[in-house]
Amino acid sequence: MGLYFATLIAVLFMFQITHSNEPEKTTVPWYESLPAVAMDYKVHIDPGKEDCYFQYVNPGATFYVSFQVLRGGDGMAGFAVRHPNGQIVHPYQWRPNSDYQDVGSAGGYYSVCIDNQFSRFAAKLVNLYLTVIRYDQWDKFTKEVEDLNLSVENFTSSIKNVERNINEMLQYQHHSRGREARDYNLLIDNNKYVQNWSLAQIIVIAATTVLQVYFVRKLFDIKDGRRGRI
């Protein structure tokens, strides 16, 4: 395993060297040209509001996005994804969590919107996870390495499979962390609810007891008075 990772680091280092002589592209931000991008956000949505976020996806890349409500109100929110051509590929649904994936995208800026308009009083804390994977970059990498007279076709294929499996594992870990955070926040809310309700019941019982004792003592009070003559 150590030899495998050492070889992988060496190959990636050579890949970086081959790209160091290329002219820098200034048409798009540097992070939009990376082979893989993964982002994890925790977003606060005010009641009655809608927030939209935009993510650039390279042509031919795989785009994946998921959301999960961690805290607030009924634990649900609206979620929609709009394609760069303007079409809504994932319509709005009032759910606690949802996801969308586009394999072999045509490219462009995707719009991801989280809607909390149905909740007029409760804000929501939402976990938003996005990934953009460009598997075609590995094929380009294979050609560049072959120019160096290195036969690593099987090795590159293995790297692609490892990259795909790692991406799936990251998605699964993201969902697991989201469920854990949601359960933890639900546990805290339930604990506060039980404490407040118990305190209110104790106050009511104590007040009722005091009132009962007061009225029972009033029944046995004897007022001094003079009796009139018949």
C-alpha atoms as a PDB file:
ATOM      1  CA  MET A   1       0.000   0.000   0.000  1.00  0.00           C
ATOM      2  CA  GLY A   2       2.858   2.383   0.814  1.00  0.00           C
ATOM      3  CA  LEU A   3       4.528   1.640  -2.539  1.00  0.00           C
ATOM      4  CA  TYR A   4       1.226   2.283  -4.352  1.00  0.00           C
ATOM      5  CA  PHE A   5       0.731   5.713  -2.778  1.00  0.00           C
ATOM      6  CA  ALA A   6       4.402   6.590  -3.385  1.00  0.00           C
ATOM      7  CA  THR A   7       3.976   5.715  -7.086  1.00  0.00           C
ATOM      8  CA  LEU A   8       0.722   7.687  -7.238  1.00  0.00           C
ATOM      9  CA  ILE A   9       2.405  10.780  -5.747  1.00  0.00           C
ATOM     10  CA  ALA A  10       5.287  10.476  -8.214  1.00  0.00           C
ATOM     11  CA  VAL A  11       2.942  10.251 -11.200  1.00  0.00           C
ATOM     12  CA  LEU A  12       0.897  13.221  -9.997  1.00  0.00           C
ATOM     13  CA  PHE A  13       4.134  15.168  -9.553  1.00  0.00           C
ATOM     14  CA  MET A  14       5.110  14.422 -13.171  1.00  0.00           C
ATOM     15  CA  PHE A  15       1.601  15.477 -14.235  1.00  0.00           C
ATOM     16  CA  GLN A  16       2.105  18.807 -12.491  1.00  0.00           C
ATOM     17  CA  ILE A  17       5.510  19.286 -14.156  1.00  0.00           C
ATOM     18  CA  THR A  18       4.085  18.649 -17.644  1.00  0.00           C
ATOM     19  CA  HIS A  19       1.446  21.328 -17.004  1.00  0.00           C
ATOM     20  CA  SER A  20       3.867  23.864 -15.549  1.00  0.00           C
ATOM     21  CA  ASN A  21       5.135  24.838 -19.022  1.00  0.00           C
ATOM     22  CA  GLU A  22       1.663  25.507 -20.411  1.00  0.00           C
ATOM     23  CA  PRO A  23       0.458  29.124 -20.566  1.00  0.00           C
ATOM     24  CA  GLU A  24      -1.917  30.118 -17.802  1.00  0.00           C
ATOM     25  CA  LYS A  25      -5.562  30.471 -18.717  1.00  0.00           C
ATOM     26  CA  THR A  26      -7.204  33.590 -17.447  1.00  0.00           C
ATOM     27  CA  THR A  27     -10.648  33.010 -18.964  1.00  0.00           C
ATOM     28  CA  VAL A  28     -11.934  31.088 -15.934  1.00  0.00           C
ATOM     29  CA  PRO A  29     -10.903  30.980 -12.262  1.00  0.00           C
ATOM     30  CA  TRP A  30      -8.155  28.527 -11.444  1.00  0.00           C
ATOM     31  CA  TYR A  31     -10.367  26.261  -9.331  1.00  0.00           C
ATOM     32  CA  GLU A  32     -12.785  25.724 -12.235  1.00  0.00           C
ATOM     33  CA  SER A  33     -10.071  23.981 -14.278  1.00  0.00           C
ATOM     34  CA  LEU A  34      -9.192  21.421 -11.595  1.00  0.00           C
ATOM     35  CA  PRO A  35      -9.848  17.717 -12.341  1.00  0.00           C
ATOM     36  CA  ALA A  36     -11.976  17.370  -9.204  1.00  0.00           C
ATOM     37  CA  VAL A  37     -13.668  19.866  -6.896  1.00  0.00           C
ATOM     38  CA  ALA A  38     -15.583  19.032  -3.705  1.00  0.00           C
ATOM     39  CA  MET A  39     -17.268  21.603  -1.473  1.00  0.00           C
ATOM     40  CA  ASP A  40     -19.176  21.195   1.779  1.00  0.00           C
ATOM     41  CA  TYR A  41     -21.181  24.134   3.170  1.00  0.00           C
ATOM     42  CA  LYS A  42     -23.447  24.740   6.129  1.00  0.00           C
ATOM     43  CA  VAL A  43     -25.985  27.373   5.073  1.00  0.00           C
ATOM     44  CA  HIS A  44     -28.379  29.379   7.259  1.00  0.00           C
ATOM     45  CA  ILE A  45     -31.703  30.106   5.527  1.00  0.00           C
ATOM     46  CA  ASP A  46     -33.941  32.758   7.082  1.00  0.00           C
ATOM     47  CA  PRO A  47     -37.696  32.085   7.352  1.00  0.00           C
ATOM     48  CA  GLY A  48     -39.658  32.931   4.224  1.00  0.00           C
ATOM     49  CA  LYS A  49     -36.464  33.271   2.147  1.00  0.00           C
ATOM     50  CA  GLU A  50     -34.823  31.479  -0.785  1.00  0.00           C
ATOM     51  CA  ASP A  51     -31.078  31.302  -1.454  1.00  0.00           C
ATOM     52  CA  CYS A  52     -29.498  30.214  -4.747  1.00  0.00           C
ATOM     53  CA  TYR A  53     -25.895  29.195  -5.409  1.00  0.00           C
ATOM     54  CA  PHE A  54     -24.077  28.738  -8.719  1.00  0.00           C
ATOM     55  CA  GLN A  55     -21.440  26.161  -9.586  1.00  0.00           C
ATOM     56  CA  TYR A  56     -19.499  25.944 -12.842  1.00  0.00           C
ATOM     57  CA  VAL A  57     -19.296  22.447 -14.373  1.00  0.00           C
ATOM     58  CA  ASN A  58     -16.863  21.634 -17.177  1.00  0.00           C
ATOM     59  CA  PRO A  59     -18.202  19.934 -20.314  1.00  0.00           C
ATOM     60  CA  GLY A  60     -18.194  16.168 -19.884  1.00  0.00           C
ATOM     61  CA  ALA A  61     -17.753  16.351 -16.099  1.00  0.00           C
ATOM     62  CA  THR A  62     -19.922  14.619 -13.503  1.00  0.00           C
ATOM     63  CA  PHE A  63     -21.864  17.027 -11.296  1.00  0.00           C
ATOM     64  CA  TYR A  64     -23.309  15.913  -7.955  1.00  0.00           C
ATOM     65  CA  VAL A  65     -25.143  17.968  -5.332  1.00  0.00           C
ATOM     66  CA  SER A  66     -27.048  17.032  -2.199  1.00  0.00           C
ATOM     67  CA  PHE A  67     -28.652  18.888   0.681  1.00  0.00           C
ATOM     68  CA  GLN A  68     -29.861  17.941   4.145  1.00  0.00           C
ATOM     69  CA  VAL A  69     -31.694  20.011   6.731  1.00  0.00           C
ATOM     70  CA  LEU A  70     -29.779  19.809  10.001  1.00  0.00           C
ATOM     71  CA  ARG A  71     -31.891  22.001  12.257  1.00  0.00           C
ATOM     72  CA  GLY A  72     -34.923  24.233  12.342  1.00  0.00           C
ATOM     73  CA  GLY A  73     -38.720  24.050  12.173  1.00  0.00           C
ATOM     74  CA  ASP A  74     -40.143  20.829  10.777  1.00  0.00           C
ATOM     75  CA  GLY A  75     -36.714  19.732   9.511  1.00  0.00           C
ATOM     76  CA  MET A  76     -37.636  20.127   5.822  1.00  0.00           C
ATOM     77  CA  ALA A  77     -36.956  22.639   3.041  1.00  0.00           C
ATOM     78  CA  GLY A  78     -37.348  23.021  -0.706  1.00  0.00           C
ATOM     79  CA  PHE A  79     -34.511  22.028  -3.037  1.00  0.00           C
ATOM     80  CA  ALA A  80     -34.184  22.568  -6.784  1.00  0.00           C
ATOM     81  CA  VAL A  81     -31.437  22.374  -9.422  1.00  0.00           C
ATOM     82  CA  ARG A  82     -31.512  24.390 -12.649  1.00  0.00           C
ATOM     83  CA  HIS A  83     -29.504  23.302 -15.707  1.00  0.00           C
ATOM     84  CA  PRO A  84     -27.284  25.874 -17.463  1.00  0.00           C
ATOM     85  CA  ASN A  85     -29.798  25.885 -20.338  1.00  0.00           C
ATOM     86  CA  GLY A  86     -32.471  27.180 -17.925  1.00  0.00           C
ATOM     87  CA  GLN A  87     -34.351  23.902 -17.487  1.00  0.00           C
ATOM     88  CA  ILE A  88     -35.220  22.785 -13.952  1.00  0.00           C
ATOM     89  CA  VAL A  89     -33.743  19.273 -13.854  1.00  0.00           C
ATOM     90  CA  HIS A  90     -34.625  18.725 -10.191  1.00  0.00           C
ATOM     91  CA  PRO A  91     -38.002  20.306  -9.310  1.00  0.00           C
ATOM     92  CA  TYR A  92     -38.796  21.760  -5.910  1.00  0.00           C
ATOM     93  CA  GLN A  93     -39.737  19.237  -3.233  1.00  0.00           C
ATOM     94  CA  TRP A  94     -40.345  19.916   0.464  1.00  0.00           C
ATOM     95  CA  ARG A  95     -38.109  17.221   1.954  1.00  0.00           C
ATOM     96  CA  PRO A  96     -35.543  16.781   4.756  1.00  0.00           C
ATOM     97  CA  ASN A  97     -32.860  15.728   2.231  1.00  0.00           C
ATOM     98  CA  SER A  98     -32.380  15.185  -1.479  1.00  0.00           C
ATOM     99  CA  ASP A  99     -29.659  14.881  -4.130  1.00  0.00           C
ATOM    100  CA  TYR A 100     -29.070  15.192  -7.879  1.00  0.00           C
ATOM    101  CA  GLN A 101     -26.375  13.890 -10.217  1.00  0.00           C
ATOM    102  CA  ASP A 102     -25.611  14.689 -13.869  1.00  0.00           C
ATOM    103  CA  VAL A 103     -23.136  12.384 -15.645  1.00  0.00           C
ATOM    104  CA  GLY A 104     -21.493  13.803 -18.739  1.00  0.00           C
ATOM    105  CA  SER A 105     -22.743  17.345 -18.341  1.00  0.00           C
ATOM    106  CA  ALA A 106     -22.877  19.730 -21.313  1.00  0.00           C
ATOM    107  CA  GLY A 107     -21.103  22.307 -19.144  1.00  0.00           C
ATOM    108  CA  GLY A 108     -22.014  25.680 -17.731  1.00  0.00           C
ATOM    109  CA  TYR A 109     -23.199  27.198 -14.488  1.00  0.00           C
ATOM    110  CA  TYR A 110     -25.704  25.131 -12.512  1.00  0.00           C
ATOM    111  CA  SER A 111     -28.065  26.903 -10.143  1.00  0.00           C
ATOM    112  CA  VAL A 112     -28.795  25.228  -6.796  1.00  0.00           C
ATOM    113  CA  CYS A 113     -31.640  26.821  -4.817  1.00  0.00           C
ATOM    114  CA  ILE A 114     -32.798  26.162  -1.253  1.00  0.00           C
ATOM    115  CA  ASP A 115     -36.303  27.390  -0.491  1.00  0.00           C
ATOM    116  CA  ASN A 116     -37.627  28.149   3.009  1.00  0.00           C
ATOM    117  CA  GLN A 117     -40.654  30.200   1.945  1.00  0.00           C
ATOM    118  CA  PHE A 118     -43.169  27.763   3.419  1.00  0.00           C
ATOM    119  CA  SER A 119     -41.673  28.306   6.867  1.00  0.00           C
ATOM    120  CA  ARG A 120     -42.679  31.785   8.040  1.00  0.00           C
ATOM    121  CA  PHE A 121     -41.126  31.743  11.516  1.00  0.00           C
ATOM    122  CA  ALA A 122     -38.399  29.073  11.683  1.00  0.00           C
ATOM    123  CA  ALA A 123     -34.944  29.478  10.146  1.00  0.00           C
ATOM    124  CA  LYS A 124     -33.148  26.396   8.794  1.00  0.00           C
ATOM    125  CA  LEU A 125     -29.570  25.175   8.979  1.00  0.00           C
ATOM    126  CA  VAL A 126     -28.818  23.238   5.777  1.00  0.00           C
ATOM    127  CA  ASN A 127     -25.791  21.166   4.813  1.00  0.00           C
ATOM    128  CA  LEU A 128     -24.958  21.585   1.103  1.00  0.00           C
ATOM    129  CA  TYR A 129     -22.461  19.261  -0.629  1.00  0.00           C
ATOM    130  CA  LEU A 130     -21.247  19.708  -4.247  1.00  0.00           C
ATOM    131  CA  THR A 131     -18.696  17.820  -6.353  1.00  0.00           C
ATOM    132  CA  VAL A 132     -17.457  18.258  -9.918  1.00  0.00           C
ATOM    133  CA  ILE A 133     -15.370  15.322 -11.222  1.00  0.00           C
ATOM    134  CA  ARG A 134     -13.673  15.398 -14.631  1.00  0.00           C
ATOM    135  CA  TYR A 135     -12.906  11.777 -15.450  1.00  0.00           C
ATOM    136  CA  ASP A 136     -11.812  12.733 -18.958  1.00  0.00           C
ATOM    137  CA  GLN A 137      -8.721  14.356 -17.447  1.00  0.00           C
ATOM    138  CA  TRP A 138      -7.351  10.903 -16.672  1.00  0.00           C
ATOM    139  CA  ASP A 139      -7.475   9.996 -20.380  1.00  0.00           C
ATOM    140  CA  LYS A 140      -5.594  13.194 -21.180  1.00  0.00           C
ATOM    141  CA  PHE A 141      -3.125  12.316 -18.467  1.00  0.00           C
ATOM    142  CA  THR A 142      -2.620   8.870 -20.057  1.00  0.00           C
ATOM    143  CA  LYS A 143      -1.711  10.400 -23.407  1.00  0.00           C
ATOM    144  CA  GLU A 144       0.752  12.796 -21.793  1.00  0.00           C
ATOM    145  CA  VAL A 145       2.443   9.970 -19.916  1.00  0.00           C
ATOM    146  CA  GLU A 146       2.606   7.843 -23.070  1.00  0.00           C
ATOM    147  CA  ASP A 147       4.500  10.689 -24.722  1.00  0.00           C
ATOM    148  CA  LEU A 148       7.123  10.096 -22.050  1.00  0.00           C
ATOM    149  CA  ASN A 149       7.413   6.459 -23.247  1.00  0.00           C
ATOM    150  CA  LEU A 150       5.786   5.139 -20.088  1.00  0.00           C
ATOM    151  CA  SER A 151       3.258   2.341 -20.431  1.00  0.00           C
ATOM    152  CA  VAL A 152       0.863   2.960 -17.573  1.00  0.00           C
ATOM    153  CA  GLU A 153      -2.489   2.281 -19.188  1.00  0.00           C
ATOM    154  CA  ASN A 154      -3.478  -0.290 -16.571  1.00  0.00           C
ATOM    155  CA  PHE A 155      -2.157   1.921 -13.812  1.00  0.00           C
ATOM    156  CA  THR A 156      -4.165   4.905 -15.059  1.00  0.00           C
ATOM    157  CA  SER A 157      -7.281   2.766 -15.323  1.00  0.00           C
ATOM    158  CA  SER A 158      -6.763   1.684 -11.731  1.00  0.00           C
ATOM    159  CA  ILE A 159      -6.349   5.322 -10.675  1.00  0.00           C
ATOM    160  CA  LYS A 160      -9.644   6.213 -12.389  1.00  0.00           C
ATOM    161  CA  ASN A 161     -11.405   3.395 -10.566  1.00  0.00           C
ATOM    162  CA  VAL A 162      -9.862   4.482  -7.274  1.00  0.00           C
ATOM    163  CA  GLU A 163     -10.926   8.087  -7.930  1.00  0.00           C
ATOM    164  CA  ARG A 164     -14.492   6.980  -8.689  1.00  0.00           C
ATOM    165  CA  ASN A 165     -14.635   4.793  -5.570  1.00  0.00           C
ATOM    166  CA  ILE A 166     -13.191   7.578  -3.416  1.00  0.00           C
ATOM    167  CA  ASN A 167     -15.830   9.958  -4.729  1.00  0.00           C
ATOM    168  CA  GLU A 168     -18.591   7.479  -3.856  1.00  0.00           C
ATOM    169  CA  MET A 169     -17.128   6.978  -0.376  1.00  0.00           C
ATOM    170  CA  LEU A 170     -16.947  10.745   0.171  1.00  0.00           C
ATOM    171  CA  GLN A 171     -20.601  11.051  -0.797  1.00  0.00           C
ATOM    172  CA  TYR A 172     -21.530   8.261   1.631  1.00  0.00           C
ATOM    173  CA  GLN A 173     -19.478   9.876   4.405  1.00  0.00           C
ATOM    174  CA  HIS A 174     -21.160  13.205   3.697  1.00  0.00           C
ATOM    175  CA  HIS A 175     -24.598  11.632   4.100  1.00  0.00           C
ATOM    176  CA  SER A 176     -23.486   9.874   7.297  1.00  0.00           C
ATOM    177  CA  ARG A 177     -22.139  13.113   8.779  1.00  0.00           C
ATOM    178  CA  GLY A 178     -25.332  14.892   7.811  1.00  0.00           C
ATOM    179  CA  ARG A 179     -27.512  12.254   9.505  1.00  0.00           C
ATOM    180  CA  GLU A 180     -25.311  12.373  12.597  1.00  0.00           C
ATOM    181  CA  ALA A 181     -25.537  16.178  12.809  1.00  0.00           C
ATOM    182  CA  ARG A 182     -29.294  16.065  12.258  1.00  0.00           C
ATOM    183  CA  ASP A 183     -29.786  13.447  15.004  1.00  0.00           C
ATOM    184  CA  TYR A 184     -27.551  15.408  17.386  1.00  0.00           C
ATOM    185  CA  ASN A 185     -29.491  18.641  16.838  1.00  0.00           C
ATOM    186  CA  LEU A 186     -32.779  16.762  17.222  1.00  0.00           C
ATOM    187  CA  LEU A 187     -31.528  15.283  20.504  1.00  0.00           C
ATOM    188  CA  ILE A 188     -30.588  18.738  21.809  1.00  0.00           C
ATOM    189  CA  ASP A 189     -33.970  20.186  20.820  1.00  0.00           C
ATOM    190  CA  ASN A 190     -35.826  17.318  22.487  1.00  0.00           C
ATOM    191  CA  ASN A 191     -33.743  17.728  25.629  1.00  0.00           C
ATOM    192  CA  LYS A 192     -34.572  21.444  25.805  1.00  0.00           C
ATOM    193  CA  TYR A 193     -38.243  20.709  25.188  1.00  0.00           C
ATOM    194  CA  VAL A 194     -38.397  18.092  27.971  1.00  0.00           C
ATOM    195  CA  GLN A 195     -36.544  20.355  30.408  1.00  0.00           C
ATOM    196  CA  ASN A 196     -38.772  23.357  29.717  1.00  0.00           C
ATOM    197  CA  TRP A 197     -41.964  21.290  29.872  1.00  0.00           C
ATOM    198  CA  SER A 198     -40.870  19.602  33.116  1.00  0.00           C
ATOM    199  CA  LEU A 199     -40.005  22.971  34.669  1.00  0.00           C
ATOM    200  CA  ALA A 200     -43.400  24.343  33.669  1.00  0.00           C
ATOM    201  CA  GLN A 201     -45.162  21.327  35.212  1.00  0.00           C
ATOM    202  CA  ILE A 202     -43.181  21.707  38.443  1.00  0.00           C
ATOM    203  CA  ILE A 203     -44.185  25.364  38.658  1.00  0.00           C
ATOM    204  CA  VAL A 204     -47.857  24.504  38.044  1.00  0.00           C
ATOM    205  CA  ILE A 205     -47.834  21.714  40.644  1.00  0.00           C
ATOM    206  CA  ALA A 206     -46.146  23.944  43.226  1.00  0.00           C
ATOM    207  CA  ALA A 207     -48.615  26.773  42.602  1.00  0.00           C
ATOM    208  CA  THR A 208     -51.566  24.361  42.811  1.00  0.00           C
ATOM    209  CA  THR A 209     -50.278  22.950  46.101  1.00  0.00           C
ATOM    210  CA  VAL A 210     -49.885  26.424  47.601  1.00  0.00           C
ATOM    211  CA  LEU A 211     -53.411  27.386  46.540  1.00  0.00           C
ATOM    212  CA  GLN A 212     -54.886  24.195  47.982  1.00  0.00           C
ATOM    213  CA  VAL A 213     -53.163  24.697  51.324  1.00  0.00           C
ATOM    214  CA  TYR A 214     -54.307  28.319  51.413  1.00  0.00           C
ATOM    215  CA  PHE A 215     -57.968  27.531  50.757  1.00  0.00           C
ATOM    216  CA  VAL A 216     -57.999  24.565  53.182  1.00  0.00           C
ATOM    217  CA  ARG A 217     -56.645  26.806  55.947  1.00  0.00           C
ATOM    218  CA  LYS A 218     -59.242  29.416  55.095  1.00  0.00           C
ATOM    219  CA  LEU A 219     -61.968  26.821  55.744  1.00  0.00           C
ATOM    220  CA  PHE A 220     -60.790  26.348  59.325  1.00  0.00           C
ATOM    221  CA  ASP A 221     -60.377  30.008  60.139  1.00  0.00           C
ATOM    222  CA  ILE A 222     -62.708  31.112  63.032  1.00  0.00           C
ATOM    223  CA  LYS A 223     -63.650  34.730  63.078  1.00  0.00           C
ATOM    224  CA  ASP A 224     -64.358  36.265  66.512  1.00  0.00           C
ATOM    225  CA  GLY A 225     -67.753  37.981  66.701  1.00  0.00           C
ATOM    226  CA  ARG A 226     -70.440  38.862  69.209  1.00  0.00           C
ATOM    227  CA  ARG A 227     -73.734  37.072  69.144  1.00  0.00           C
ATOM    228  CA  GLY A 228     -76.793  39.288  69.230  1.00  0.00           C
ATOM    229  CA  ARG A 229     -79.496  38.803  71.826  1.00  0.00           C
ATOM    230  CA  ILE A 230     -82.687  37.052  70.891  1.00  0.00           C
END
